[in-house]
Amino acid sequence: MDGGMRNETVLTKTERAEVVGILKELAPRRGAGLPRDARRARREGVLQWLWIKTVPSTGSRGRSELFRIMLENGSGSGVGFTSRKEMEVGEQFVVPLAFKEGGGKLVLCRVKHVRAVDGREWYIGAEFLTTVDDPDGRTKVPHAWMAG
């Protein structure tokens, strides 16, 4: 993995604005602007089922896994979601986001925190690392992302 991606978000201001725009379009909740808490950016409330794909860890022979999450909120720097699959801090995954008018982005994310909700679900907060355009919803996850 590139050492530069390890400690900093590499989205440009334009990419962040595009990702936030996609999040706002998904399925906004009533009173979508959520409290800021201790976060760096304002969160937008979202309730949307999405499929995500895990990225095997560096040097592992692990396989990627595809599973469904409930996206709950997002901001220009990351997302929060619930999952029936527990994830570990530092684990990376890819989220496909689509614009209402067509096109979208594949977003590489890294888990920042995990909290058990009950015995079967976890609330996971993740930060954005980088994106690639997905103009027709058919873009493959970049090999460099999957290679770790």
C-alpha atoms as a PDB file:
ATOM      1  CA  MET A   1       0.000   0.000   0.000  1.00  0.00           C
ATOM      2  CA  ASP A   2       1.154   3.512  -0.740  1.00  0.00           C
ATOM      3  CA  GLY A   3       2.423   5.107   2.469  1.00  0.00           C
ATOM      4  CA  GLY A   4       0.743   8.406   1.535  1.00  0.00           C
ATOM      5  CA  MET A   5      -2.709   6.849   1.727  1.00  0.00           C
ATOM      6  CA  ARG A   6      -2.065   5.426   5.143  1.00  0.00           C
ATOM      7  CA  ASN A   7      -2.406   8.657   7.172  1.00  0.00           C
ATOM      8  CA  GLU A   8      -4.249  11.181   5.069  1.00  0.00           C
ATOM      9  CA  THR A   9      -7.332  11.607   2.951  1.00  0.00           C
ATOM     10  CA  VAL A  10      -6.347  12.207  -0.663  1.00  0.00           C
ATOM     11  CA  LEU A  11      -9.659  13.400  -2.100  1.00  0.00           C
ATOM     12  CA  THR A  12      -9.537  16.804  -3.722  1.00  0.00           C
ATOM     13  CA  LYS A  13     -12.017  19.487  -2.711  1.00  0.00           C
ATOM     14  CA  THR A  14     -13.983  18.795  -5.912  1.00  0.00           C
ATOM     15  CA  GLU A  15     -14.061  15.029  -5.265  1.00  0.00           C
ATOM     16  CA  ARG A  16     -15.291  15.624  -1.708  1.00  0.00           C
ATOM     17  CA  ALA A  17     -18.052  17.894  -2.996  1.00  0.00           C
ATOM     18  CA  GLU A  18     -19.085  15.240  -5.533  1.00  0.00           C
ATOM     19  CA  VAL A  19     -19.195  12.507  -2.877  1.00  0.00           C
ATOM     20  CA  VAL A  20     -21.254  14.686  -0.522  1.00  0.00           C
ATOM     21  CA  GLY A  21     -23.581  15.476  -3.437  1.00  0.00           C
ATOM     22  CA  ILE A  22     -24.092  11.767  -4.063  1.00  0.00           C
ATOM     23  CA  LEU A  23     -24.778  11.156  -0.364  1.00  0.00           C
ATOM     24  CA  LYS A  24     -27.363  13.955  -0.302  1.00  0.00           C
ATOM     25  CA  GLU A  25     -29.137  12.410  -3.307  1.00  0.00           C
ATOM     26  CA  LEU A  26     -29.411   8.896  -1.878  1.00  0.00           C
ATOM     27  CA  ALA A  27     -32.235   8.727   0.654  1.00  0.00           C
ATOM     28  CA  PRO A  28     -32.190  11.743   2.942  1.00  0.00           C
ATOM     29  CA  ARG A  29     -33.769  11.418   6.366  1.00  0.00           C
ATOM     30  CA  ARG A  30     -36.024  14.023   7.872  1.00  0.00           C
ATOM     31  CA  GLY A  31     -33.778  16.724   9.348  1.00  0.00           C
ATOM     32  CA  ALA A  32     -30.868  15.395   7.298  1.00  0.00           C
ATOM     33  CA  GLY A  33     -28.196  17.685   8.737  1.00  0.00           C
ATOM     34  CA  LEU A  34     -27.003  15.724  11.762  1.00  0.00           C
ATOM     35  CA  PRO A  35     -25.251  17.249  14.784  1.00  0.00           C
ATOM     36  CA  ARG A  36     -21.555  17.852  14.283  1.00  0.00           C
ATOM     37  CA  ASP A  37     -20.337  16.099  17.456  1.00  0.00           C
ATOM     38  CA  ALA A  38     -16.521  15.949  17.433  1.00  0.00           C
ATOM     39  CA  ARG A  39     -16.321  15.290  13.710  1.00  0.00           C
ATOM     40  CA  ARG A  40     -14.316  17.347  11.240  1.00  0.00           C
ATOM     41  CA  ALA A  41     -17.177  17.816   8.764  1.00  0.00           C
ATOM     42  CA  ARG A  42     -20.966  18.146   8.814  1.00  0.00           C
ATOM     43  CA  ARG A  43     -22.727  14.818   8.333  1.00  0.00           C
ATOM     44  CA  GLU A  44     -25.700  14.277   6.041  1.00  0.00           C
ATOM     45  CA  GLY A  45     -28.277  11.761   7.223  1.00  0.00           C
ATOM     46  CA  VAL A  46     -28.881   8.938   4.764  1.00  0.00           C
ATOM     47  CA  LEU A  47     -30.719   5.634   4.958  1.00  0.00           C
ATOM     48  CA  GLN A  48     -29.675   3.505   2.007  1.00  0.00           C
ATOM     49  CA  TRP A  49     -28.736  -0.135   1.528  1.00  0.00           C
ATOM     50  CA  LEU A  50     -25.423  -0.460  -0.340  1.00  0.00           C
ATOM     51  CA  TRP A  51     -23.109  -3.305  -1.257  1.00  0.00           C
ATOM     52  CA  ILE A  52     -19.462  -2.839  -0.307  1.00  0.00           C
ATOM     53  CA  LYS A  53     -16.381  -4.862  -1.180  1.00  0.00           C
ATOM     54  CA  THR A  54     -13.584  -5.449   1.305  1.00  0.00           C
ATOM     55  CA  VAL A  55      -9.959  -5.056   0.273  1.00  0.00           C
ATOM     56  CA  PRO A  56      -7.559  -7.832   1.354  1.00  0.00           C
ATOM     57  CA  SER A  57      -4.957  -6.561   3.825  1.00  0.00           C
ATOM     58  CA  THR A  58      -1.387  -5.951   2.700  1.00  0.00           C
ATOM     59  CA  GLY A  59       0.527  -9.170   2.223  1.00  0.00           C
ATOM     60  CA  SER A  60      -2.450 -11.353   3.078  1.00  0.00           C
ATOM     61  CA  ARG A  61      -3.745 -14.060   0.848  1.00  0.00           C
ATOM     62  CA  GLY A  62      -7.227 -13.130   2.000  1.00  0.00           C
ATOM     63  CA  ARG A  63     -10.051 -12.748  -0.435  1.00  0.00           C
ATOM     64  CA  SER A  64     -12.236  -9.744  -0.863  1.00  0.00           C
ATOM     65  CA  GLU A  65     -15.771 -10.068   0.384  1.00  0.00           C
ATOM     66  CA  LEU A  66     -18.958  -8.484  -0.921  1.00  0.00           C
ATOM     67  CA  PHE A  67     -21.695  -7.699   1.614  1.00  0.00           C
ATOM     68  CA  ARG A  68     -24.574  -5.323   2.287  1.00  0.00           C
ATOM     69  CA  ILE A  69     -24.541  -2.396   4.713  1.00  0.00           C
ATOM     70  CA  MET A  70     -27.053   0.252   5.784  1.00  0.00           C
ATOM     71  CA  LEU A  71     -25.470   3.615   5.024  1.00  0.00           C
ATOM     72  CA  GLU A  72     -26.622   5.962   7.783  1.00  0.00           C
ATOM     73  CA  ASN A  73     -24.649   9.169   7.299  1.00  0.00           C
ATOM     74  CA  GLY A  74     -21.864  10.730   5.335  1.00  0.00           C
ATOM     75  CA  SER A  75     -19.749  13.854   5.063  1.00  0.00           C
ATOM     76  CA  GLY A  76     -16.962  15.176   2.888  1.00  0.00           C
ATOM     77  CA  SER A  77     -14.481  13.046   4.820  1.00  0.00           C
ATOM     78  CA  GLY A  78     -16.252   9.737   5.457  1.00  0.00           C
ATOM     79  CA  VAL A  79     -19.323   7.601   6.095  1.00  0.00           C
ATOM     80  CA  GLY A  80     -21.087   5.881   8.980  1.00  0.00           C
ATOM     81  CA  PHE A  81     -23.021   2.646   8.529  1.00  0.00           C
ATOM     82  CA  THR A  82     -24.356  -0.437  10.262  1.00  0.00           C
ATOM     83  CA  SER A  83     -23.314  -3.911   9.220  1.00  0.00           C
ATOM     84  CA  ARG A  84     -23.982  -7.486  10.255  1.00  0.00           C
ATOM     85  CA  LYS A  85     -20.339  -8.193   9.424  1.00  0.00           C
ATOM     86  CA  GLU A  86     -17.846  -6.983  12.002  1.00  0.00           C
ATOM     87  CA  MET A  87     -14.917  -5.065  10.541  1.00  0.00           C
ATOM     88  CA  GLU A  88     -11.591  -4.107  12.076  1.00  0.00           C
ATOM     89  CA  VAL A  89     -10.063  -0.655  12.474  1.00  0.00           C
ATOM     90  CA  GLY A  90      -7.737  -0.085   9.516  1.00  0.00           C
ATOM     91  CA  GLU A  91      -9.619  -2.474   7.212  1.00  0.00           C
ATOM     92  CA  GLN A  92     -10.269  -1.033   3.759  1.00  0.00           C
ATOM     93  CA  PHE A  93     -13.304  -1.391   1.506  1.00  0.00           C
ATOM     94  CA  VAL A  94     -14.827   0.053  -1.658  1.00  0.00           C
ATOM     95  CA  VAL A  95     -18.203   1.799  -1.829  1.00  0.00           C
ATOM     96  CA  PRO A  96     -19.874   2.378  -5.212  1.00  0.00           C
ATOM     97  CA  LEU A  97     -21.806   5.677  -5.216  1.00  0.00           C
ATOM     98  CA  ALA A  98     -24.091   6.706  -8.088  1.00  0.00           C
ATOM     99  CA  PHE A  99     -25.382  10.127  -9.134  1.00  0.00           C
ATOM    100  CA  LYS A 100     -29.137  10.446  -9.649  1.00  0.00           C
ATOM    101  CA  GLU A 101     -28.553  11.822 -13.164  1.00  0.00           C
ATOM    102  CA  GLY A 102     -26.113   9.013 -14.029  1.00  0.00           C
ATOM    103  CA  GLY A 103     -22.473   8.228 -13.437  1.00  0.00           C
ATOM    104  CA  GLY A 104     -20.795   8.011 -10.077  1.00  0.00           C
ATOM    105  CA  LYS A 105     -17.644   7.126  -8.182  1.00  0.00           C
ATOM    106  CA  LEU A 106     -15.946   4.151  -6.610  1.00  0.00           C
ATOM    107  CA  VAL A 107     -14.674   5.288  -3.213  1.00  0.00           C
ATOM    108  CA  LEU A 108     -11.868   3.571  -1.304  1.00  0.00           C
ATOM    109  CA  CYS A 109     -12.473   3.868   2.466  1.00  0.00           C
ATOM    110  CA  ARG A 110     -10.674   2.872   5.676  1.00  0.00           C
ATOM    111  CA  VAL A 111     -12.428   1.869   8.926  1.00  0.00           C
ATOM    112  CA  LYS A 112     -11.705   4.357  11.736  1.00  0.00           C
ATOM    113  CA  HIS A 113     -13.913   2.974  14.512  1.00  0.00           C
ATOM    114  CA  VAL A 114     -16.229   0.045  15.251  1.00  0.00           C
ATOM    115  CA  ARG A 115     -18.890  -0.138  17.954  1.00  0.00           C
ATOM    116  CA  ALA A 116     -21.180  -3.090  18.715  1.00  0.00           C
ATOM    117  CA  VAL A 117     -24.850  -2.148  18.386  1.00  0.00           C
ATOM    118  CA  ASP A 118     -26.156  -5.504  19.593  1.00  0.00           C
ATOM    119  CA  GLY A 119     -25.035  -9.102  19.267  1.00  0.00           C
ATOM    120  CA  ARG A 120     -25.601  -9.096  15.513  1.00  0.00           C
ATOM    121  CA  GLU A 121     -24.772  -5.606  14.227  1.00  0.00           C
ATOM    122  CA  TRP A 122     -21.938  -3.093  14.361  1.00  0.00           C
ATOM    123  CA  TYR A 123     -21.825   0.634  13.738  1.00  0.00           C
ATOM    124  CA  ILE A 124     -18.758   1.445  11.644  1.00  0.00           C
ATOM    125  CA  GLY A 125     -17.226   4.834  10.869  1.00  0.00           C
ATOM    126  CA  ALA A 126     -14.857   5.103   7.931  1.00  0.00           C
ATOM    127  CA  GLU A 127     -12.825   7.790   6.181  1.00  0.00           C
ATOM    128  CA  PHE A 128     -12.496   8.353   2.444  1.00  0.00           C
ATOM    129  CA  LEU A 129      -9.066   7.669   0.961  1.00  0.00           C
ATOM    130  CA  THR A 130      -9.461   8.154  -2.792  1.00  0.00           C
ATOM    131  CA  THR A 131     -11.942   7.820  -5.660  1.00  0.00           C
ATOM    132  CA  VAL A 132     -12.158   6.818  -9.307  1.00  0.00           C
ATOM    133  CA  ASP A 133     -14.875   7.863 -11.728  1.00  0.00           C
ATOM    134  CA  ASP A 134     -17.536   5.259 -12.521  1.00  0.00           C
ATOM    135  CA  PRO A 135     -19.419   6.864 -15.430  1.00  0.00           C
ATOM    136  CA  ASP A 136     -21.605   3.869 -16.318  1.00  0.00           C
ATOM    137  CA  GLY A 137     -21.638   1.771 -13.130  1.00  0.00           C
ATOM    138  CA  ARG A 138     -19.320  -0.821 -14.679  1.00  0.00           C
ATOM    139  CA  THR A 139     -15.895   0.408 -13.605  1.00  0.00           C
ATOM    140  CA  LYS A 140     -13.791  -2.322 -12.016  1.00  0.00           C
ATOM    141  CA  VAL A 141     -12.097  -1.711  -8.687  1.00  0.00           C
ATOM    142  CA  PRO A 142      -8.514  -0.624  -9.505  1.00  0.00           C
ATOM    143  CA  HIS A 143      -6.018  -3.459  -9.165  1.00  0.00           C
ATOM    144  CA  ALA A 144      -3.745  -1.265  -7.022  1.00  0.00           C
ATOM    145  CA  TRP A 145      -6.547  -0.957  -4.436  1.00  0.00           C
ATOM    146  CA  MET A 146      -7.028  -4.731  -4.294  1.00  0.00           C
ATOM    147  CA  ALA A 147      -3.316  -5.501  -4.204  1.00  0.00           C
ATOM    148  CA  GLY A 148      -2.963  -3.676  -0.891  1.00  0.00           C
END
